[in-house]
Every structure is written in structure tokens, then in C-alpha cells.
Amino acid sequence: MAATMRVNGVAVQQKGAAALAAPRPAAPLRAASAQQRAAAQQRAASLLVRAVAAPPAPTTGAARPAALADQDKSLQKPTVVITGASSGLGLNAANSMAQSGDWHVVMACRDFAKAEKEARKLGMPKGSYTVMHLDLASLESVRQFVQNFKNSGRRLDALVCNAAVYLPTAKEPTFTADGFELSVGTNHLGHFLLANLLLEDLQKAPTNNPAGAPRCIIVGSITGNTNTVAGNVPPKADLGDLRGLRTGLDGRNASMIDGGEFDGAKAYKDSKVCNMLTMRQMHQRFHDSTGVTFASLYPGCIAETGLFRNHIGLFRTLFPPFQKYITKGYVSEVEAGRRLAQVVSDPSLNKSGVYWSWDNEKSSLWFDQVDGALENNVSKEVSDDAKGARLWDASLKLVGLEQ
């Protein structure tokens, strides 16, 4: 199967190698609604069109990723991979890092054309970024992306797990290509596999990283922290005893991690708890042995982000002014992107196992802040490392990495 990526505005085909980890065994067939069957047919047609319509590799005029394979990686510009970099927080973080001149940004996105269009619109310097296809709702796509990245010969200094699906008004669950509920399958399991498969590349990063050490940053959310006012807005995040995740999260026995009835808003919040628990587990398991810094963050309430495009119209109208003038938690996409870039690249934010956030009103003591960033507390559930270990084991099994 051929995959496509774009280098300096030129489309390149690369052939994927064997899967890096055994794929999840196919789930037994189950009855599907007409809507789900139609969606599956549409998805299959989309994948076929993408594979057939991929443009040929250039023969002249553009530097091909394979040319980097023989290059001393310490001579390359440090590279950061950012998922979901075609819009919102990811796009603005990518732009901030590309404009710095210190980093090469790999924009890992589902929508290849959109990412390229947005990068050009923002004036991201030519040669400062590469667009590569990644669909986190498909474990096969994650493995293909990893293989293509390894084949490119680029060094990897930072991985930013940012992409997210949020379906707050959904009444029925939607499922990924592998049969997982979409929010958790994309936001958690896709990133879980990606981070594990790229860990070795992070560990091998040259020492001339301007951040001081390689980093894996997983974007969290205040909505997943029930020790906050926002985190206590119903429905609250709650993974329960993970019974739904342990049974496959495929709708046959459960579509929610706690085994309860489906709720689109809660599924997103639960996935953010998983993201933060995963960060803590990676810190505990790998930081000392690899030197990689693992951290999470909440950059502020990006009330006008496309993440809310599936919410009701009244919410989209009232939420931004409410955050700006009542809660004071509002932050623009540009500022949020700068904050994410700061956590990736600032040498003073190199502490591992940390959940970073910002105090918009600067009410915290100055010595608690690093250029506005605060090492914040997490909820009781997020700090439950025993539950984190059970989540880790269940996730390994679901993505096909179980030893």
C-alpha cells in the first residue's frame, strides 16, 4: 500500500514496510445499522480514492526524504511531529515552531490538502515543514505513518499528541476502523500506539536539541480533571473500573470505558483522562531509562476552536464571550499554540511527569511560574497510578503491543 506525504510543497509516495506491531485481531461480526454501513462504505471509497489518486514521486527539483537517510542526524534541524496540525491548537503550535527557525515540523494530519493550504496561508517558511498523512482512527494508518517517518531518515526530537475528536451531541457511538468507540479510539488508543512506536526514535535523538532533551507531550484538558470547576460540569469524566475498555470498547458489550451508557461528551472527557494517565505511566516507565521528558498540558480554553464544530449553535455563539468576560479562561488559538510550542521547546520546562497550565489573571505567585506556565495539580483519578497501570495493560492489548 502506498502512502503519501508532502515535502516542501511536493507530494511524495512511499511504500510502507511490514507492520511494526501485530495488528489487533479482527473482531467478530456484529449487526450494524444502515447508517454505520453507509459510513463504512464511504470511508472505504475515500481510502481507495486516496490510494489511486496519489501523485507520482518527483524526479527533480525537490529534496526527497530518503536523501536524509545517509546524513548525520546531528547535522539536521531538530524535528517535531505534531498530530492534528491542520487546524486549531496543532496548526498554531506548528506555525510557532516553524517560524522560530529552530525546528522542522512534521504536520501529521488526516486532511493532506488542508494542512498544506493552512501552512501556506500562515506563511510557514518553505522547507520548515513536511505534511504526512496520519489517521489516528486507524491503527494500520498509525503503523504506516511510523514506518514512513522512519524511512524518511529524519531525527525525532519531540512528539506532540494533540489531535482529538469531540462529539458532544452524538446520541449513538461511532466506531474506528478497528472497531473502537471513535473518541477514545482516536484520542487515546491511536496516540498510545504512536507514542510507543516512536519512543525508540525519541531516545536516539542527537544531543544538540535546543530543548535540552527529547520530549513527548500529550495534550490534556481541564474537562478531564474533576478537581476543577470545569471538570465538574456534567457529565464528569470517570473511567470506573475500566470494564468497558477491557471488553474491547466495540459496542457489543460496551462503548464507554466505564461500561455505562454512551455519552459523546463524557467519551471525550474520559479520553483526556486516558491521555494524562498515559503520560504519567510513560514518565514512570521510561523517563529514567531513556532520558525522554514526558509531560501534559492544558493551554487554556480555546473557545473558538474547530473542536466545538459539532456542538449546538447556541453553545458556539455564547461560549466564547462567556469564557472571555465571565470565567477569564479564554485564550486565542495563536496564544494557545505559542504555549504548546513553549512546552515542547523551552529548556526551562524540561521537568518530566508534569501537567502544565497557565494562569491568565497572573494571580499565582511569580516564583510558581515559568514564563506564565504553572506546574498544576491533577484530579484524584488522573493521579491514580494503579488505575493508570491497568489502563496501560488494557491499551497494550487493544493496539496489539501486548508482550
Protein backbone atom coordinates (compact mmCIF):
# COMPACT_ATOMS: atom_id res chain seq x y z
CA MET A 1 0.00 0.00 0.00
CA ALA A 2 1.38 3.39 -0.97
CA ALA A 3 1.20 6.34 1.42
CA THR A 4 1.59 9.99 0.55
CA MET A 5 3.43 12.81 2.23
CA ARG A 6 4.40 16.29 1.15
CA VAL A 7 7.89 17.77 1.37
CA ASN A 8 8.28 21.50 0.77
CA GLY A 9 5.01 21.53 -1.12
CA VAL A 10 5.72 18.48 -3.32
CA ALA A 11 3.80 15.21 -2.99
CA VAL A 12 5.89 12.09 -2.49
CA GLN A 13 4.84 8.42 -2.47
CA GLN A 14 6.47 5.96 -0.12
CA LYS A 15 5.91 2.24 0.13
CA GLY A 16 5.24 1.03 3.65
CA ALA A 17 7.17 -1.83 5.14
CA ALA A 18 5.73 -4.60 7.29
CA ALA A 19 3.64 -3.57 10.25
CA LEU A 20 5.71 -2.53 13.24
CA ALA A 21 3.47 -4.38 15.65
CA ALA A 22 0.95 -7.15 15.23
CA PRO A 23 -2.44 -5.69 14.29
CA ARG A 24 -5.42 -6.25 16.55
CA PRO A 25 -7.24 -9.49 15.66
CA ALA A 26 -10.43 -8.85 13.73
CA ALA A 27 -13.48 -8.57 15.95
CA PRO A 28 -16.38 -10.98 15.36
CA LEU A 29 -19.01 -9.61 13.01
CA ARG A 30 -21.94 -7.84 14.62
CA ALA A 31 -25.08 -6.25 13.33
CA ALA A 32 -24.64 -2.71 12.07
CA SER A 33 -27.20 -0.03 11.36
CA ALA A 34 -27.77 1.22 7.82
CA GLN A 35 -26.11 4.47 8.85
CA GLN A 36 -22.99 2.68 10.09
CA ARG A 37 -22.83 0.53 6.94
CA ALA A 38 -23.12 3.61 4.75
CA ALA A 39 -20.39 5.36 6.73
CA ALA A 40 -18.12 2.34 6.37
CA GLN A 41 -18.71 2.22 2.61
CA GLN A 42 -17.97 5.93 2.33
CA ARG A 43 -14.75 5.51 4.32
CA ALA A 44 -13.63 2.60 2.13
CA ALA A 45 -14.30 4.61 -1.01
CA SER A 46 -12.33 7.54 0.40
CA LEU A 47 -9.34 5.34 1.15
CA LEU A 48 -9.47 3.83 -2.34
CA VAL A 49 -9.56 7.25 -3.97
CA ARG A 50 -6.63 8.40 -1.85
CA ALA A 51 -4.55 5.38 -2.83
CA VAL A 52 -5.37 5.60 -6.55
CA ALA A 53 -5.10 9.36 -6.88
CA ALA A 54 -1.75 9.74 -5.12
CA PRO A 55 0.54 11.81 -7.37
CA PRO A 56 3.81 10.35 -8.66
CA ALA A 57 7.09 10.98 -6.91
CA PRO A 58 9.06 13.95 -8.27
CA THR A 59 12.17 13.22 -10.27
CA THR A 60 13.84 16.61 -9.94
CA GLY A 61 13.62 19.84 -8.03
CA ALA A 62 12.66 18.61 -4.56
CA ALA A 63 14.70 17.07 -1.78
CA ARG A 64 13.36 13.59 -1.11
CA PRO A 65 13.07 12.32 2.48
CA ALA A 66 15.13 9.25 1.62
CA ALA A 67 18.11 11.51 0.97
CA LEU A 68 18.28 12.18 4.70
CA ALA A 69 18.93 8.53 5.50
CA ASP A 70 22.67 8.79 4.87
CA GLN A 71 23.03 12.12 6.64
CA ASP A 72 24.48 12.54 10.12
CA LYS A 73 21.33 13.30 12.11
CA SER A 74 23.19 15.71 14.36
CA LEU A 75 23.55 17.93 11.29
CA GLN A 76 19.79 18.01 10.72
CA LYS A 77 17.50 20.61 12.20
CA PRO A 78 15.63 19.19 15.23
CA THR A 79 12.28 17.67 14.23
CA VAL A 80 8.92 17.76 16.00
CA VAL A 81 5.93 15.65 14.95
CA ILE A 82 2.57 17.29 15.74
CA THR A 83 -0.66 15.37 15.26
CA GLY A 84 -3.77 17.28 14.21
CA ALA A 85 -1.62 20.10 12.83
CA SER A 86 -4.03 21.14 10.08
CA SER A 87 -6.16 23.35 12.34
CA GLY A 88 -6.58 24.92 15.76
CA LEU A 89 -4.06 24.30 18.51
CA GLY A 90 -1.90 21.94 16.46
CA LEU A 91 -1.67 24.26 13.46
CA ASN A 92 -0.76 27.27 15.57
CA ALA A 93 1.85 25.31 17.52
CA ALA A 94 3.30 24.09 14.23
CA ASN A 95 3.43 27.65 12.91
CA SER A 96 5.06 28.96 16.09
CA MET A 97 7.79 26.33 15.93
CA ALA A 98 8.34 26.64 12.18
CA GLN A 99 8.59 30.43 12.37
CA SER A 100 11.22 30.16 15.12
CA GLY A 101 13.70 28.81 12.58
CA ASP A 102 14.97 26.28 15.11
CA TRP A 103 12.72 23.34 14.23
CA HIS A 104 11.49 21.28 11.31
CA VAL A 105 7.80 20.45 11.81
CA VAL A 106 6.13 17.27 10.60
CA MET A 107 2.41 18.03 10.32
CA ALA A 108 0.74 14.63 10.86
CA CYS A 109 -2.84 15.01 9.61
CA ARG A 110 -5.80 13.23 8.06
CA ASP A 111 -6.51 16.03 5.58
CA PHE A 112 -3.36 16.36 3.49
CA ALA A 113 -4.59 19.21 1.28
CA LYS A 114 -6.00 21.23 4.19
CA ALA A 115 -2.72 21.08 6.11
CA GLU A 116 -0.76 22.29 3.10
CA LYS A 117 -3.26 25.09 2.44
CA GLU A 118 -3.21 26.30 6.05
CA ALA A 119 0.60 26.20 6.24
CA ARG A 120 0.85 28.39 3.16
CA LYS A 121 -1.85 30.74 4.43
CA LEU A 122 0.13 31.31 7.63
CA GLY A 123 3.33 31.85 5.67
CA MET A 124 5.23 28.96 7.21
CA PRO A 125 8.71 29.15 5.66
CA LYS A 126 9.47 26.84 2.76
CA GLY A 127 11.50 23.89 3.98
CA SER A 128 10.36 24.36 7.59
CA TYR A 129 7.63 21.71 7.47
CA THR A 130 6.59 18.39 5.96
CA VAL A 131 3.00 17.17 5.70
CA MET A 132 2.46 13.45 6.28
CA HIS A 133 -0.79 11.51 6.32
CA LEU A 134 -1.94 10.09 9.66
CA ASP A 135 -5.40 8.88 10.62
CA LEU A 136 -5.40 8.12 14.33
CA ALA A 137 -8.74 6.32 13.95
CA SER A 138 -6.87 3.53 12.14
CA LEU A 139 -4.11 1.55 13.84
CA GLU A 140 -2.90 0.49 10.39
CA SER A 141 -2.53 4.16 9.45
CA VAL A 142 -0.55 4.80 12.64
CA ARG A 143 1.85 1.96 11.83
CA GLN A 144 2.16 3.16 8.23
CA PHE A 145 2.95 6.69 9.40
CA VAL A 146 5.63 5.44 11.78
CA GLN A 147 7.24 3.32 9.06
CA ASN A 148 7.17 6.23 6.60
CA PHE A 149 8.72 8.54 9.19
CA LYS A 150 11.49 6.06 9.93
CA ASN A 151 12.10 5.64 6.19
CA SER A 152 12.45 9.41 5.83
CA GLY A 153 15.72 9.39 7.76
CA ARG A 154 14.70 12.33 9.93
CA ARG A 155 15.69 12.63 13.55
CA LEU A 156 12.89 12.91 16.11
CA ASP A 157 13.30 15.34 18.99
CA ALA A 158 9.70 15.85 20.05
CA LEU A 159 6.32 14.19 19.60
CA VAL A 160 3.15 16.17 20.29
CA CYS A 161 -0.03 14.09 20.68
CA ASN A 162 -2.61 16.79 20.03
CA ALA A 163 -5.30 15.60 17.59
CA ALA A 164 -8.73 14.99 19.11
CA VAL A 165 -12.30 14.06 18.22
CA TYR A 166 -15.15 15.66 20.20
CA LEU A 167 -18.75 14.61 19.53
CA PRO A 168 -20.77 16.15 22.40
CA THR A 169 -24.19 15.89 20.75
CA ALA A 170 -23.83 12.33 19.43
CA LYS A 171 -26.65 10.05 20.59
CA GLU A 172 -25.12 6.84 19.31
CA PRO A 173 -21.46 5.77 19.22
CA THR A 174 -19.37 5.85 16.06
CA PHE A 175 -16.54 3.36 15.67
CA THR A 176 -13.00 3.48 14.31
CA ALA A 177 -11.64 1.26 11.54
CA ASP A 178 -10.57 -1.19 14.28
CA GLY A 179 -13.98 -1.21 15.98
CA PHE A 180 -13.29 1.11 18.94
CA GLU A 181 -15.59 3.92 20.04
CA LEU A 182 -14.33 6.88 18.00
CA SER A 183 -13.36 9.43 20.69
CA VAL A 184 -11.33 7.02 22.83
CA GLY A 185 -10.08 5.09 19.80
CA THR A 186 -8.69 8.26 18.22
CA ASN A 187 -7.73 10.46 21.15
CA HIS A 188 -6.27 7.72 23.35
CA LEU A 189 -5.56 4.44 21.56
CA GLY A 190 -4.24 5.97 18.33
CA HIS A 191 -1.87 8.22 20.27
CA PHE A 192 -0.96 5.39 22.66
CA LEU A 193 0.27 3.26 19.75
CA LEU A 194 2.01 6.19 18.07
CA ALA A 195 3.93 7.22 21.18
CA ASN A 196 5.06 3.67 21.91
CA LEU A 197 6.24 3.04 18.35
CA LEU A 198 8.19 6.33 18.19
CA LEU A 199 9.75 6.07 21.65
CA GLU A 200 12.94 4.50 20.31
CA ASP A 201 13.36 7.34 17.81
CA LEU A 202 12.97 9.89 20.60
CA GLN A 203 15.51 8.05 22.72
CA LYS A 204 18.03 8.13 19.85
CA ALA A 205 17.66 11.86 19.22
CA PRO A 206 21.01 13.68 18.91
CA THR A 207 22.07 15.67 21.94
CA ASN A 208 22.03 19.05 20.16
CA ASN A 209 18.34 19.57 20.89
CA PRO A 210 17.59 23.22 21.79
CA ALA A 211 15.01 21.99 24.31
CA GLY A 212 17.72 20.13 26.21
CA ALA A 213 16.19 16.66 25.91
CA PRO A 214 13.71 14.84 23.66
CA ARG A 215 10.08 15.28 24.69
CA CYS A 216 6.75 13.53 24.33
CA ILE A 217 3.90 15.96 25.03
CA ILE A 218 0.31 14.75 25.32
CA VAL A 219 -2.36 17.45 25.32
CA GLY A 220 -4.71 17.11 28.28
CA SER A 221 -7.82 19.06 29.25
CA ILE A 222 -9.31 20.78 32.24
CA THR A 223 -12.54 18.89 31.49
CA GLY A 224 -10.80 15.65 32.41
CA ASN A 225 -9.71 16.99 35.79
CA THR A 226 -12.56 16.80 38.29
CA ASN A 227 -10.58 18.87 40.80
CA THR A 228 -11.64 21.96 38.80
CA VAL A 229 -14.94 23.77 38.31
CA ALA A 230 -14.93 22.98 34.60
CA GLY A 231 -14.15 19.35 35.33
CA ASN A 232 -17.27 19.06 37.47
CA VAL A 233 -19.67 20.15 34.74
CA PRO A 234 -21.80 17.08 33.92
CA PRO A 235 -21.18 14.59 32.54
CA LYS A 236 -17.99 14.20 34.57
CA ALA A 237 -15.05 12.11 33.46
CA ASP A 238 -14.98 8.73 35.18
CA LEU A 239 -13.22 5.61 33.92
CA GLY A 240 -14.81 3.42 36.60
CA ASP A 241 -13.14 0.02 36.78
CA LEU A 242 -12.26 0.08 33.04
CA ARG A 243 -14.68 -2.77 32.35
CA GLY A 244 -15.74 -1.28 29.01
CA LEU A 245 -12.15 -0.88 27.83
CA ARG A 246 -11.23 -4.38 28.93
CA THR A 247 -14.07 -5.86 26.86
CA GLY A 248 -12.94 -4.08 23.70
CA LEU A 249 -14.95 -0.82 23.65
CA ASP A 250 -16.57 -2.06 20.45
CA GLY A 251 -20.25 -1.66 21.24
CA ARG A 252 -21.02 -5.34 21.73
CA ASN A 253 -20.57 -5.22 25.49
CA ALA A 254 -19.80 -1.53 25.98
CA SER A 255 -18.92 1.63 24.08
CA MET A 256 -17.78 3.59 27.15
CA ILE A 257 -14.67 2.90 29.21
CA ASP A 258 -16.66 2.54 32.43
CA GLY A 259 -19.17 0.20 30.77
CA GLY A 260 -22.02 2.72 31.04
CA GLU A 261 -24.44 4.15 28.51
CA PHE A 262 -22.92 6.08 25.63
CA ASP A 263 -22.45 9.82 26.12
CA GLY A 264 -20.47 11.72 23.49
CA ALA A 265 -19.29 14.49 25.81
CA LYS A 266 -18.21 12.03 28.51
CA ALA A 267 -16.37 9.88 25.96
CA TYR A 268 -14.18 12.88 25.10
CA LYS A 269 -13.54 13.73 28.76
CA ASP A 270 -12.69 10.10 29.52
CA SER A 271 -10.22 10.09 26.63
CA LYS A 272 -8.46 13.12 28.13
CA VAL A 273 -8.13 11.30 31.46
CA CYS A 274 -6.57 8.44 29.49
CA ASN A 275 -4.16 10.88 27.84
CA MET A 276 -2.97 12.24 31.17
CA LEU A 277 -2.75 8.79 32.78
CA THR A 278 -0.70 7.60 29.78
CA MET A 279 1.71 10.50 30.20
CA ARG A 280 2.24 9.60 33.85
CA GLN A 281 2.76 5.92 33.00
CA MET A 282 5.30 6.74 30.30
CA HIS A 283 7.15 9.01 32.71
CA GLN A 284 7.30 6.28 35.35
CA ARG A 285 8.24 3.50 32.94
CA PHE A 286 10.62 5.23 30.54
CA HIS A 287 11.95 8.59 31.70
CA ASP A 288 14.88 7.33 33.75
CA SER A 289 15.98 4.74 31.17
CA THR A 290 15.54 6.87 28.04
CA GLY A 291 16.06 10.46 29.14
CA VAL A 292 12.85 11.43 27.35
CA THR A 293 10.72 14.08 29.06
CA PHE A 294 7.01 13.25 29.24
CA ALA A 295 4.50 15.99 30.05
CA SER A 296 0.92 17.07 29.53
CA LEU A 297 -0.71 20.48 29.42
CA TYR A 298 -3.91 22.47 29.30
CA PRO A 299 -3.16 25.66 27.33
CA GLY A 300 -6.39 27.43 28.29
CA CYS A 301 -9.92 27.45 26.92
CA ILE A 302 -9.70 27.84 23.14
CA ALA A 303 -13.39 28.73 22.94
CA GLU A 304 -13.37 29.45 19.21
CA THR A 305 -11.58 26.31 18.08
CA GLY A 306 -12.96 23.96 15.44
CA LEU A 307 -13.06 21.28 18.14
CA PHE A 308 -16.53 22.64 19.01
CA ARG A 309 -17.84 22.45 15.44
CA ASN A 310 -20.12 19.54 16.35
CA HIS A 311 -21.72 21.39 19.29
CA ILE A 312 -25.12 23.08 19.08
CA GLY A 313 -25.22 26.55 17.52
CA LEU A 314 -26.27 28.36 20.71
CA PHE A 315 -23.28 26.92 22.56
CA ARG A 316 -20.89 28.04 19.81
CA THR A 317 -22.35 31.54 20.00
CA LEU A 318 -22.38 32.02 23.77
CA PHE A 319 -19.34 30.03 24.88
CA PRO A 320 -16.57 32.39 23.61
CA PRO A 321 -17.90 35.58 25.32
CA PHE A 322 -18.67 33.58 28.46
CA GLN A 323 -15.03 32.44 28.62
CA LYS A 324 -13.70 35.91 27.75
CA TYR A 325 -15.71 38.01 30.18
CA ILE A 326 -17.01 35.71 32.92
CA THR A 327 -14.51 32.93 33.61
CA LYS A 328 -11.50 34.79 32.14
CA GLY A 329 -10.27 31.43 30.88
CA TYR A 330 -10.38 32.34 27.19
CA VAL A 331 -7.24 32.01 25.12
CA SER A 332 -6.85 32.53 21.38
CA GLU A 333 -5.68 29.74 19.08
CA VAL A 334 -2.49 31.71 18.41
CA GLU A 335 -1.65 32.11 22.10
CA ALA A 336 -2.56 28.50 22.86
CA GLY A 337 -0.26 27.40 20.04
CA ARG A 338 2.54 29.51 21.49
CA ARG A 339 2.03 27.86 24.88
CA LEU A 340 2.15 24.37 23.39
CA ALA A 341 5.31 25.28 21.48
CA GLN A 342 6.76 26.58 24.74
CA VAL A 343 6.21 23.25 26.49
CA VAL A 344 7.86 21.47 23.57
CA SER A 345 10.91 23.70 23.21
CA ASP A 346 11.63 25.76 26.33
CA PRO A 347 14.67 24.31 28.18
CA SER A 348 13.27 25.59 31.48
CA LEU A 349 10.17 23.38 31.08
CA ASN A 350 12.11 20.12 30.89
CA LYS A 351 10.65 18.52 34.02
CA SER A 352 9.10 15.11 33.31
CA GLY A 353 5.77 13.83 34.65
CA VAL A 354 4.29 17.33 34.84
CA TYR A 355 0.87 18.74 33.91
CA TRP A 356 1.37 22.35 32.76
CA SER A 357 -1.25 25.08 32.69
CA TRP A 358 -1.37 28.90 32.67
CA ASP A 359 -2.90 31.49 34.98
CA ASN A 360 -4.49 34.06 32.68
CA GLU A 361 -5.03 36.51 35.53
CA LYS A 362 -1.47 36.05 36.86
CA SER A 363 -2.91 35.52 40.35
CA SER A 364 -0.33 32.90 41.30
CA LEU A 365 2.93 33.82 42.94
CA TRP A 366 5.60 34.79 40.43
CA PHE A 367 8.03 32.12 41.64
CA ASP A 368 5.47 29.40 40.83
CA GLN A 369 5.56 30.34 37.16
CA VAL A 370 7.96 29.76 34.27
CA ASP A 371 7.10 32.37 31.64
CA GLY A 372 3.49 32.04 32.73
CA ALA A 373 3.49 28.22 32.85
CA LEU A 374 2.45 26.56 36.10
CA GLU A 375 3.08 23.02 37.29
CA ASN A 376 -0.53 22.21 38.13
CA ASN A 377 -2.27 19.53 40.17
CA VAL A 378 -4.34 16.78 38.61
CA SER A 379 -7.50 15.08 39.81
CA LYS A 380 -7.59 12.06 42.11
CA GLU A 381 -8.40 9.79 39.17
CA VAL A 382 -5.57 11.14 36.99
CA SER A 383 -3.12 10.65 39.87
CA ASP A 384 -4.31 7.06 40.46
CA ASP A 385 -1.22 5.25 39.19
CA ALA A 386 -2.69 1.82 39.93
CA LYS A 387 -5.57 2.60 37.59
CA GLY A 388 -3.03 4.03 35.15
CA ALA A 389 -1.17 0.72 35.15
CA ARG A 390 -4.40 -1.19 34.43
CA LEU A 391 -5.21 1.26 31.64
CA TRP A 392 -1.72 0.72 30.23
CA ASP A 393 -2.06 -3.07 30.19
CA ALA A 394 -5.53 -2.98 28.61
CA SER A 395 -4.37 -0.48 25.98
CA LEU A 396 -1.33 -2.57 25.06
CA LYS A 397 -3.63 -5.49 24.34
CA LEU A 398 -6.08 -3.45 22.27
CA VAL A 399 -3.42 -1.93 19.99
CA GLY A 400 -1.54 -5.21 19.52
CA LEU A 401 1.56 -4.42 21.60
CA GLU A 402 0.94 -6.91 24.40
CA GLN A 403 4.10 -8.90 25.13
